[in-house]
């Protein structure tokens, strides 16, 4: 993990993004206090997001049946 002040982060922003892309976390400080963290993006699926929601037996989360597309009026 890199830690650097805002002034240095501004001067090396492209390099910092490359480091984050490679999986590294970067901490940006101002007067010795952490003000931001650059972290790699975690790719998540919808299932990952909804997995965290508690789901009781009374909740049905199955997908609805597909319906044919509805006609769209011709505006020309």
PDB file of N, CA and C in Angstrom:
ATOM      1  N   UNK A   1       0.847  -1.172   0.000  1.00  0.00           N
ATOM      2  CA  UNK A   1       0.000   0.000   0.000  1.00  0.00           C
ATOM      3  C   UNK A   1       0.893   1.236   0.000  1.00  0.00           C
ATOM      4  N   UNK A   2       0.619   2.109  -0.945  1.00  0.00           N
ATOM      5  CA  UNK A   2       1.333   3.383  -1.011  1.00  0.00           C
ATOM      6  C   UNK A   2       0.562   4.434  -0.217  1.00  0.00           C
ATOM      7  N   UNK A   3       1.279   5.349   0.393  1.00  0.00           N
ATOM      8  CA  UNK A   3       0.663   6.473   1.071  1.00  0.00           C
ATOM      9  C   UNK A   3       1.427   7.718   0.655  1.00  0.00           C
ATOM     10  N   UNK A   4       0.703   8.729   0.163  1.00  0.00           N
ATOM     11  CA  UNK A   4       1.383   9.932  -0.282  1.00  0.00           C
ATOM     12  C   UNK A   4       0.481  11.150  -0.129  1.00  0.00           C
ATOM     13  N   UNK A   5       1.092  12.338  -0.024  1.00  0.00           N
ATOM     14  CA  UNK A   5       0.310  13.567   0.141  1.00  0.00           C
ATOM     15  C   UNK A   5      -0.381  13.969  -1.159  1.00  0.00           C
ATOM     16  N   UNK A   6      -1.393  14.815  -1.034  1.00  0.00           N
ATOM     17  CA  UNK A   6      -2.195  15.263  -2.169  1.00  0.00           C
ATOM     18  C   UNK A   6      -1.319  15.835  -3.279  1.00  0.00           C
ATOM     19  N   UNK A   7      -0.371  16.684  -2.927  1.00  0.00           N
ATOM     20  CA  UNK A   7       0.476  17.329  -3.944  1.00  0.00           C
ATOM     21  C   UNK A   7       1.190  16.294  -4.794  1.00  0.00           C
ATOM     22  N   UNK A   8       1.738  15.269  -4.166  1.00  0.00           N
ATOM     23  CA  UNK A   8       2.433  14.216  -4.903  1.00  0.00           C
ATOM     24  C   UNK A   8       1.436  13.370  -5.699  1.00  0.00           C
ATOM     25  N   UNK A   9       0.256  13.116  -5.130  1.00  0.00           N
ATOM     26  CA  UNK A   9      -0.768  12.330  -5.827  1.00  0.00           C
ATOM     27  C   UNK A   9      -1.201  13.042  -7.111  1.00  0.00           C
ATOM     28  N   UNK A  10      -1.351  14.369  -7.044  1.00  0.00           N
ATOM     29  CA  UNK A  10      -1.728  15.131  -8.234  1.00  0.00           C
ATOM     30  C   UNK A  10      -0.670  15.011  -9.314  1.00  0.00           C
ATOM     31  N   UNK A  11       0.596  15.054  -8.916  1.00  0.00           N
ATOM     32  CA  UNK A  11       1.686  15.003  -9.884  1.00  0.00           C
ATOM     33  C   UNK A  11       1.846  13.612 -10.501  1.00  0.00           C
ATOM     34  N   UNK A  12       1.437  12.569  -9.781  1.00  0.00           N
ATOM     35  CA  UNK A  12       1.645  11.181 -10.241  1.00  0.00           C
ATOM     36  C   UNK A  12       0.331  10.437 -10.455  1.00  0.00           C
ATOM     37  N   UNK A  13      -0.750  11.149 -10.748  1.00  0.00           N
ATOM     38  CA  UNK A  13      -2.069  10.526 -10.792  1.00  0.00           C
ATOM     39  C   UNK A  13      -2.151   9.343 -11.756  1.00  0.00           C
ATOM     40  N   UNK A  14      -1.628   9.490 -12.964  1.00  0.00           N
ATOM     41  CA  UNK A  14      -1.681   8.390 -13.940  1.00  0.00           C
ATOM     42  C   UNK A  14      -0.946   7.156 -13.429  1.00  0.00           C
ATOM     43  N   UNK A  15       0.210   7.361 -12.817  1.00  0.00           N
ATOM     44  CA  UNK A  15       0.970   6.234 -12.269  1.00  0.00           C
ATOM     45  C   UNK A  15       0.214   5.582 -11.114  1.00  0.00           C
ATOM     46  N   UNK A  16      -0.463   6.392 -10.301  1.00  0.00           N
ATOM     47  CA  UNK A  16      -1.249   5.841  -9.197  1.00  0.00           C
ATOM     48  C   UNK A  16      -2.395   4.990  -9.721  1.00  0.00           C
ATOM     49  N   UNK A  17      -3.059   5.464 -10.764  1.00  0.00           N
ATOM     50  CA  UNK A  17      -4.139   4.677 -11.352  1.00  0.00           C
ATOM     51  C   UNK A  17      -3.616   3.356 -11.905  1.00  0.00           C
ATOM     52  N   UNK A  18      -2.440   3.374 -12.495  1.00  0.00           N
ATOM     53  CA  UNK A  18      -1.849   2.130 -12.999  1.00  0.00           C
ATOM     54  C   UNK A  18      -1.566   1.164 -11.847  1.00  0.00           C
ATOM     55  N   UNK A  19      -1.098   1.690 -10.715  1.00  0.00           N
ATOM     56  CA  UNK A  19      -0.834   0.849  -9.550  1.00  0.00           C
ATOM     57  C   UNK A  19      -2.130   0.254  -9.005  1.00  0.00           C
ATOM     58  N   UNK A  20      -3.173   1.056  -8.967  1.00  0.00           N
ATOM     59  CA  UNK A  20      -4.469   0.568  -8.487  1.00  0.00           C
ATOM     60  C   UNK A  20      -5.011  -0.485  -9.444  1.00  0.00           C
ATOM     61  N   UNK A  21      -4.856  -0.242 -10.732  1.00  0.00           N
ATOM     62  CA  UNK A  21      -5.286  -1.226 -11.725  1.00  0.00           C
ATOM     63  C   UNK A  21      -4.573  -2.557 -11.543  1.00  0.00           C
ATOM     64  N   UNK A  22      -3.339  -2.492 -11.081  1.00  0.00           N
ATOM     65  CA  UNK A  22      -2.548  -3.705 -10.846  1.00  0.00           C
ATOM     66  C   UNK A  22      -2.891  -4.374  -9.516  1.00  0.00           C
ATOM     67  N   UNK A  23      -3.839  -3.781  -8.761  1.00  0.00           N
ATOM     68  CA  UNK A  23      -4.298  -4.411  -7.530  1.00  0.00           C
ATOM     69  C   UNK A  23      -3.830  -3.756  -6.246  1.00  0.00           C
ATOM     70  N   UNK A  24      -3.068  -2.683  -6.353  1.00  0.00           N
ATOM     71  CA  UNK A  24      -2.531  -2.021  -5.158  1.00  0.00           C
ATOM     72  C   UNK A  24      -3.525  -0.995  -4.601  1.00  0.00           C
ATOM     73  N   UNK A  25      -3.504  -0.784  -3.305  1.00  0.00           N
ATOM     74  CA  UNK A  25      -4.309   0.251  -2.666  1.00  0.00           C
ATOM     75  C   UNK A  25      -3.413   1.464  -2.442  1.00  0.00           C
ATOM     76  N   UNK A  26      -3.955   2.659  -2.700  1.00  0.00           N
ATOM     77  CA  UNK A  26      -3.199   3.902  -2.540  1.00  0.00           C
ATOM     78  C   UNK A  26      -3.946   4.787  -1.548  1.00  0.00           C
ATOM     79  N   UNK A  27      -3.228   5.292  -0.552  1.00  0.00           N
ATOM     80  CA  UNK A  27      -3.808   6.184   0.452  1.00  0.00           C
ATOM     81  C   UNK A  27      -3.288   7.593   0.188  1.00  0.00           C
ATOM     82  N   UNK A  28      -4.205   8.562   0.139  1.00  0.00           N
ATOM     83  CA  UNK A  28      -3.837   9.958  -0.094  1.00  0.00           C
ATOM     84  C   UNK A  28      -4.060  10.725   1.206  1.00  0.00           C
ATOM     85  N   UNK A  29      -3.048  11.509   1.579  1.00  0.00           N
ATOM     86  CA  UNK A  29      -3.109  12.226   2.855  1.00  0.00           C
ATOM     87  C   UNK A  29      -3.004  13.732   2.645  1.00  0.00           C
ATOM     88  N   UNK A  30      -3.514  14.462   3.634  1.00  0.00           N
ATOM     89  CA  UNK A  30      -3.347  15.920   3.688  1.00  0.00           C
ATOM     90  C   UNK A  30      -2.955  16.241   5.120  1.00  0.00           C
ATOM     91  N   UNK A  31      -1.803  16.868   5.271  1.00  0.00           N
ATOM     92  CA  UNK A  31      -1.247  17.189   6.596  1.00  0.00           C
ATOM     93  C   UNK A  31      -1.204  15.956   7.505  1.00  0.00           C
ATOM     94  N   UNK A  32      -0.847  14.817   6.912  1.00  0.00           N
ATOM     95  CA  UNK A  32      -0.691  13.590   7.687  1.00  0.00           C
ATOM     96  C   UNK A  32      -1.976  12.824   7.966  1.00  0.00           C
ATOM     97  N   UNK A  33      -3.144  13.370   7.574  1.00  0.00           N
ATOM     98  CA  UNK A  33      -4.425  12.690   7.789  1.00  0.00           C
ATOM     99  C   UNK A  33      -4.900  12.042   6.500  1.00  0.00           C
ATOM    100  N   UNK A  34      -5.378  10.814   6.606  1.00  0.00           N
ATOM    101  CA  UNK A  34      -5.912  10.131   5.431  1.00  0.00           C
ATOM    102  C   UNK A  34      -7.192  10.833   4.992  1.00  0.00           C
ATOM    103  N   UNK A  35      -7.238  11.204   3.701  1.00  0.00           N
ATOM    104  CA  UNK A  35      -8.450  11.841   3.180  1.00  0.00           C
ATOM    105  C   UNK A  35      -9.109  11.003   2.089  1.00  0.00           C
ATOM    106  N   UNK A  36      -8.362  10.059   1.505  1.00  0.00           N
ATOM    107  CA  UNK A  36      -8.944   9.235   0.441  1.00  0.00           C
ATOM    108  C   UNK A  36      -8.151   7.949   0.276  1.00  0.00           C
ATOM    109  N   UNK A  37      -8.832   6.954  -0.261  1.00  0.00           N
ATOM    110  CA  UNK A  37      -8.199   5.681  -0.621  1.00  0.00           C
ATOM    111  C   UNK A  37      -8.604   5.352  -2.045  1.00  0.00           C
ATOM    112  N   UNK A  38      -7.633   4.991  -2.844  1.00  0.00           N
ATOM    113  CA  UNK A  38      -7.907   4.484  -4.185  1.00  0.00           C
ATOM    114  C   UNK A  38      -7.758   2.972  -4.099  1.00  0.00           C
ATOM    115  N   UNK A  39      -8.817   2.273  -4.422  1.00  0.00           N
ATOM    116  CA  UNK A  39      -8.796   0.807  -4.330  1.00  0.00           C
ATOM    117  C   UNK A  39      -9.245   0.227  -5.666  1.00  0.00           C
ATOM    118  N   UNK A  40      -8.742  -0.960  -6.013  1.00  0.00           N
ATOM    119  CA  UNK A  40      -9.161  -1.580  -7.272  1.00  0.00           C
ATOM    120  C   UNK A  40     -10.667  -1.859  -7.266  1.00  0.00           C
ATOM    121  N   UNK A  41     -11.279  -1.705  -8.409  1.00  0.00           N
ATOM    122  CA  UNK A  41     -12.701  -1.995  -8.567  1.00  0.00           C
ATOM    123  C   UNK A  41     -12.910  -3.504  -8.498  1.00  0.00           C
ATOM    124  N   UNK A  42     -13.854  -3.886  -7.672  1.00  0.00           N
ATOM    125  CA  UNK A  42     -14.225  -5.301  -7.589  1.00  0.00           C
ATOM    126  C   UNK A  42     -15.417  -5.516  -8.501  1.00  0.00           C
ATOM    127  N   UNK A  43     -15.282  -6.399  -9.452  1.00  0.00           N
ATOM    128  CA  UNK A  43     -16.402  -6.680 -10.334  1.00  0.00           C
ATOM    129  C   UNK A  43     -17.363  -7.609  -9.605  1.00  0.00           C
ATOM    130  N   UNK A  44     -18.613  -7.155  -9.503  1.00  0.00           N
ATOM    131  CA  UNK A  44     -19.615  -7.940  -8.791  1.00  0.00           C
ATOM    132  C   UNK A  44     -20.792  -8.204  -9.708  1.00  0.00           C
ATOM    133  N   UNK A  45     -21.394  -9.335  -9.507  1.00  0.00           N
ATOM    134  CA  UNK A  45     -22.605  -9.648 -10.256  1.00  0.00           C
ATOM    135  C   UNK A  45     -23.811  -9.230  -9.426  1.00  0.00           C
ATOM    136  N   UNK A  46     -24.967  -9.216 -10.038  1.00  0.00           N
ATOM    137  CA  UNK A  46     -26.195  -8.890  -9.308  1.00  0.00           C
ATOM    138  C   UNK A  46     -26.409  -9.901  -8.180  1.00  0.00           C
ATOM    139  N   UNK A  47     -26.058 -11.149  -8.421  1.00  0.00           N
ATOM    140  CA  UNK A  47     -26.217 -12.171  -7.383  1.00  0.00           C
ATOM    141  C   UNK A  47     -25.368 -11.829  -6.158  1.00  0.00           C
ATOM    142  N   UNK A  48     -24.168 -11.290  -6.359  1.00  0.00           N
ATOM    143  CA  UNK A  48     -23.320 -10.892  -5.230  1.00  0.00           C
ATOM    144  C   UNK A  48     -23.987  -9.787  -4.417  1.00  0.00           C
ATOM    145  N   UNK A  49     -24.605  -8.837  -5.092  1.00  0.00           N
ATOM    146  CA  UNK A  49     -25.244  -7.716  -4.409  1.00  0.00           C
ATOM    147  C   UNK A  49     -26.438  -8.199  -3.592  1.00  0.00           C
ATOM    148  N   UNK A  50     -27.284  -9.018  -4.195  1.00  0.00           N
ATOM    149  CA  UNK A  50     -28.495  -9.466  -3.514  1.00  0.00           C
ATOM    150  C   UNK A  50     -28.234 -10.558  -2.484  1.00  0.00           C
ATOM    151  N   UNK A  51     -27.099 -11.223  -2.569  1.00  0.00           N
ATOM    152  CA  UNK A  51     -26.770 -12.274  -1.607  1.00  0.00           C
ATOM    153  C   UNK A  51     -26.699 -11.723  -0.184  1.00  0.00           C
ATOM    154  N   UNK A  52     -26.332 -10.462  -0.034  1.00  0.00           N
ATOM    155  CA  UNK A  52     -26.190  -9.847   1.285  1.00  0.00           C
ATOM    156  C   UNK A  52     -27.539  -9.502   1.921  1.00  0.00           C
ATOM    157  N   UNK A  53     -28.612  -9.531   1.144  1.00  0.00           N
ATOM    158  CA  UNK A  53     -29.936  -9.187   1.674  1.00  0.00           C
ATOM    159  C   UNK A  53     -30.528 -10.417   2.344  1.00  0.00           C
ATOM    160  N   UNK A  54     -30.909 -10.299   3.623  1.00  0.00           N
ATOM    161  CA  UNK A  54     -31.530 -11.449   4.276  1.00  0.00           C
ATOM    162  C   UNK A  54     -32.862 -11.763   3.605  1.00  0.00           C
ATOM    163  N   UNK A  55     -33.073 -13.014   3.316  1.00  0.00           N
ATOM    164  CA  UNK A  55     -34.259 -13.426   2.581  1.00  0.00           C
ATOM    165  C   UNK A  55     -34.977 -14.521   3.361  1.00  0.00           C
ATOM    166  N   UNK A  56     -36.153 -14.207   3.850  1.00  0.00           N
ATOM    167  CA  UNK A  56     -36.940 -15.188   4.585  1.00  0.00           C
ATOM    168  C   UNK A  56     -37.668 -16.125   3.641  1.00  0.00           C
ATOM    169  N   UNK A  57     -38.348 -17.109   4.198  1.00  0.00           N
ATOM    170  CA  UNK A  57     -39.085 -18.068   3.383  1.00  0.00           C
ATOM    171  C   UNK A  57     -40.273 -17.431   2.677  1.00  0.00           C
ATOM    172  N   UNK A  58     -40.762 -16.297   3.189  1.00  0.00           N
ATOM    173  CA  UNK A  58     -41.933 -15.662   2.607  1.00  0.00           C
ATOM    174  C   UNK A  58     -41.589 -14.785   1.407  1.00  0.00           C
ATOM    175  N   UNK A  59     -40.312 -14.685   1.063  1.00  0.00           N
ATOM    176  CA  UNK A  59     -39.886 -13.827  -0.032  1.00  0.00           C
ATOM    177  C   UNK A  59     -39.548 -14.682  -1.244  1.00  0.00           C
ATOM    178  N   UNK A  60     -40.155 -14.373  -2.377  1.00  0.00           N
ATOM    179  CA  UNK A  60     -39.930 -15.140  -3.601  1.00  0.00           C
ATOM    180  C   UNK A  60     -39.122 -14.276  -4.564  1.00  0.00           C
ATOM    181  N   UNK A  61     -37.899 -14.667  -4.812  1.00  0.00           N
ATOM    182  CA  UNK A  61     -37.026 -13.874  -5.673  1.00  0.00           C
ATOM    183  C   UNK A  61     -36.796 -14.527  -7.030  1.00  0.00           C
ATOM    184  N   UNK A  62     -37.755 -15.297  -7.499  1.00  0.00           N
ATOM    185  CA  UNK A  62     -37.554 -15.924  -8.805  1.00  0.00           C
ATOM    186  C   UNK A  62     -37.832 -14.905  -9.908  1.00  0.00           C
ATOM    187  N   UNK A  63     -37.197 -15.092 -11.032  1.00  0.00           N
ATOM    188  CA  UNK A  63     -37.370 -14.184 -12.160  1.00  0.00           C
ATOM    189  C   UNK A  63     -38.736 -14.409 -12.794  1.00  0.00           C
ATOM    190  N   UNK A  64     -39.395 -13.337 -13.236  1.00  0.00           N
ATOM    191  CA  UNK A  64     -40.694 -13.510 -13.906  1.00  0.00           C
ATOM    192  C   UNK A  64     -40.495 -14.126 -15.286  1.00  0.00           C
ATOM    193  N   UNK A  65     -41.570 -14.727 -15.807  1.00  0.00           N
ATOM    194  CA  UNK A  65     -41.515 -15.290 -17.155  1.00  0.00           C
ATOM    195  C   UNK A  65     -41.322 -14.155 -18.154  1.00  0.00           C
ATOM    196  N   UNK A  66     -40.572 -14.443 -19.204  1.00  0.00           N
ATOM    197  CA  UNK A  66     -40.361 -13.439 -20.250  1.00  0.00           C
ATOM    198  C   UNK A  66     -41.658 -13.218 -21.015  1.00  0.00           C
ATOM    199  N   UNK A  67     -41.908 -11.971 -21.337  1.00  0.00           N
ATOM    200  CA  UNK A  67     -43.073 -11.626 -22.140  1.00  0.00           C
ATOM    201  C   UNK A  67     -42.583 -11.073 -23.467  1.00  0.00           C
ATOM    202  N   UNK A  68     -43.408 -11.210 -24.503  1.00  0.00           N
ATOM    203  CA  UNK A  68     -42.992 -10.621 -25.777  1.00  0.00           C
ATOM    204  C   UNK A  68     -42.942  -9.093 -25.656  1.00  0.00           C
ATOM    205  N   UNK A  69     -42.098  -8.428 -26.426  1.00  0.00           N
ATOM    206  CA  UNK A  69     -42.001  -6.979 -26.348  1.00  0.00           C
ATOM    207  C   UNK A  69     -43.327  -6.313 -26.736  1.00  0.00           C
ATOM    208  N   UNK A  70     -43.610  -5.204 -26.091  1.00  0.00           N
ATOM    209  CA  UNK A  70     -44.823  -4.458 -26.391  1.00  0.00           C
ATOM    210  C   UNK A  70     -44.600  -3.630 -27.653  1.00  0.00           C
ATOM    211  N   UNK A  71     -45.652  -3.449 -28.440  1.00  0.00           N
ATOM    212  CA  UNK A  71     -45.490  -2.634 -29.657  1.00  0.00           C
ATOM    213  C   UNK A  71     -45.187  -1.174 -29.301  1.00  0.00           C
ATOM    214  N   UNK A  72     -44.385  -0.547 -30.129  1.00  0.00           N
ATOM    215  CA  UNK A  72     -44.007   0.845 -29.927  1.00  0.00           C
ATOM    216  C   UNK A  72     -44.666   1.667 -31.034  1.00  0.00           C
ATOM    217  N   UNK A  73     -45.335   2.769 -30.684  1.00  0.00           N
ATOM    218  CA  UNK A  73     -45.986   3.575 -31.726  1.00  0.00           C
ATOM    219  C   UNK A  73     -44.962   4.207 -32.667  1.00  0.00           C
ATOM    220  N   UNK A  74     -45.343   4.350 -33.899  1.00  0.00           N
ATOM    221  CA  UNK A  74     -44.491   4.985 -34.895  1.00  0.00           C
ATOM    222  C   UNK A  74     -44.730   6.486 -34.846  1.00  0.00           C
ATOM    223  N   UNK A  75     -43.721   7.256 -34.443  1.00  0.00           N
ATOM    224  CA  UNK A  75     -43.877   8.708 -34.255  1.00  0.00           C
ATOM    225  C   UNK A  75     -43.540   9.495 -35.510  1.00  0.00           C
ATOM    226  N   UNK A  76     -43.195   8.846 -36.578  1.00  0.00           N
ATOM    227  CA  UNK A  76     -42.826   9.579 -37.812  1.00  0.00           C
ATOM    228  C   UNK A  76     -44.008   9.913 -38.651  1.00  0.00           C
TER     229      UNK A  76
END
